[in-house]
Amino acid sequence: MFYVELVLSVAFVVLTVLGYKRNRRNMMLLGSICLVIAVSAEPFARGFHDGLTSAKQQRVQDQ
């Protein structure tokens, strides 16, 4: 997960700088979206995994 965050953070910097220099707002927007994904990907994945794990444990207990 660290490498995904690193790649998306670098993409944020590159896209934002290029978008600013070329005066392209959509490129800067894409860079900002990359940053949001980089920050929120790990907690989302962890919560999703914890939810699946607890559902499996609960299903085993019900049997």
C-alpha atoms as a PDB file:
ATOM      1  CA  MET A   1       0.000   0.000   0.000  1.00  0.00           C
ATOM      2  CA  PHE A   2       2.970   2.272   0.627  1.00  0.00           C
ATOM      3  CA  TYR A   3       3.982   2.189  -3.027  1.00  0.00           C
ATOM      4  CA  VAL A   4       0.475   3.054  -4.204  1.00  0.00           C
ATOM      5  CA  GLU A   5       0.448   6.077  -1.905  1.00  0.00           C
ATOM      6  CA  LEU A   6       3.915   7.072  -3.090  1.00  0.00           C
ATOM      7  CA  VAL A   7       3.020   6.803  -6.779  1.00  0.00           C
ATOM      8  CA  LEU A   8      -0.206   8.751  -6.342  1.00  0.00           C
ATOM      9  CA  SER A   9       1.566  11.445  -4.328  1.00  0.00           C
ATOM     10  CA  VAL A  10       4.204  11.841  -7.036  1.00  0.00           C
ATOM     11  CA  ALA A  11       1.442  11.926  -9.649  1.00  0.00           C
ATOM     12  CA  PHE A  12      -0.207  14.723  -7.642  1.00  0.00           C
ATOM     13  CA  VAL A  13       2.951  16.810  -7.690  1.00  0.00           C
ATOM     14  CA  VAL A  14       3.687  16.211 -11.372  1.00  0.00           C
ATOM     15  CA  LEU A  15       0.141  16.773 -12.594  1.00  0.00           C
ATOM     16  CA  THR A  16      -0.342  19.866 -10.485  1.00  0.00           C
ATOM     17  CA  VAL A  17       2.915  21.472 -11.620  1.00  0.00           C
ATOM     18  CA  LEU A  18       2.342  20.626 -15.287  1.00  0.00           C
ATOM     19  CA  GLY A  19      -1.259  21.771 -15.102  1.00  0.00           C
ATOM     20  CA  TYR A  20      -0.217  25.069 -13.565  1.00  0.00           C
ATOM     21  CA  LYS A  21       2.513  25.700 -16.129  1.00  0.00           C
ATOM     22  CA  ARG A  22       0.310  24.799 -19.106  1.00  0.00           C
ATOM     23  CA  ASN A  23      -2.729  26.550 -17.638  1.00  0.00           C
ATOM     24  CA  ARG A  24      -4.865  23.379 -17.691  1.00  0.00           C
ATOM     25  CA  ARG A  25      -7.302  23.189 -14.823  1.00  0.00           C
ATOM     26  CA  ASN A  26      -8.412  19.648 -15.618  1.00  0.00           C
ATOM     27  CA  MET A  27      -4.858  18.367 -15.216  1.00  0.00           C
ATOM     28  CA  MET A  28      -4.603  20.073 -11.825  1.00  0.00           C
ATOM     29  CA  LEU A  29      -7.969  18.574 -10.884  1.00  0.00           C
ATOM     30  CA  LEU A  30      -6.696  15.112 -11.781  1.00  0.00           C
ATOM     31  CA  GLY A  31      -3.658  15.732  -9.582  1.00  0.00           C
ATOM     32  CA  SER A  32      -5.917  16.695  -6.691  1.00  0.00           C
ATOM     33  CA  ILE A  33      -8.002  13.563  -7.186  1.00  0.00           C
ATOM     34  CA  CYS A  34      -4.803  11.496  -7.076  1.00  0.00           C
ATOM     35  CA  LEU A  35      -3.967  13.097  -3.739  1.00  0.00           C
ATOM     36  CA  VAL A  36      -7.410  12.341  -2.313  1.00  0.00           C
ATOM     37  CA  ILE A  37      -7.129   8.722  -3.408  1.00  0.00           C
ATOM     38  CA  ALA A  38      -3.614   8.451  -1.972  1.00  0.00           C
ATOM     39  CA  VAL A  39      -4.791   9.691   1.418  1.00  0.00           C
ATOM     40  CA  SER A  40      -8.008   7.677   1.607  1.00  0.00           C
ATOM     41  CA  ALA A  41      -7.026   4.370  -0.028  1.00  0.00           C
ATOM     42  CA  GLU A  42      -5.421   2.741   3.003  1.00  0.00           C
ATOM     43  CA  PRO A  43      -8.207   3.420   5.541  1.00  0.00           C
ATOM     44  CA  PHE A  44     -10.802   2.296   3.000  1.00  0.00           C
ATOM     45  CA  ALA A  45      -8.953  -0.950   2.265  1.00  0.00           C
ATOM     46  CA  ARG A  46      -8.397  -1.617   5.964  1.00  0.00           C
ATOM     47  CA  GLY A  47     -12.068  -1.021   6.794  1.00  0.00           C
ATOM     48  CA  PHE A  48     -13.207  -3.196   3.916  1.00  0.00           C
ATOM     49  CA  HIS A  49     -10.934  -6.031   5.038  1.00  0.00           C
ATOM     50  CA  ASP A  50     -12.029  -5.711   8.675  1.00  0.00           C
ATOM     51  CA  GLY A  51     -15.673  -5.772   7.618  1.00  0.00           C
ATOM     52  CA  LEU A  52     -15.210  -8.931   5.584  1.00  0.00           C
ATOM     53  CA  THR A  53     -13.285 -10.600   8.379  1.00  0.00           C
ATOM     54  CA  SER A  54     -15.896  -9.799  11.003  1.00  0.00           C
ATOM     55  CA  ALA A  55     -18.691 -10.979   8.695  1.00  0.00           C
ATOM     56  CA  LYS A  56     -16.902 -14.297   8.178  1.00  0.00           C
ATOM     57  CA  GLN A  57     -16.372 -14.725  11.925  1.00  0.00           C
ATOM     58  CA  GLN A  58     -19.982 -13.919  12.651  1.00  0.00           C
ATOM     59  CA  ARG A  59     -21.168 -16.409  10.025  1.00  0.00           C
ATOM     60  CA  VAL A  60     -18.978 -19.132  11.574  1.00  0.00           C
ATOM     61  CA  GLN A  61     -20.374 -18.369  15.050  1.00  0.00           C
ATOM     62  CA  ASP A  62     -23.949 -18.570  13.784  1.00  0.00           C
ATOM     63  CA  GLN A  63     -23.448 -22.101  12.460  1.00  0.00           C
END
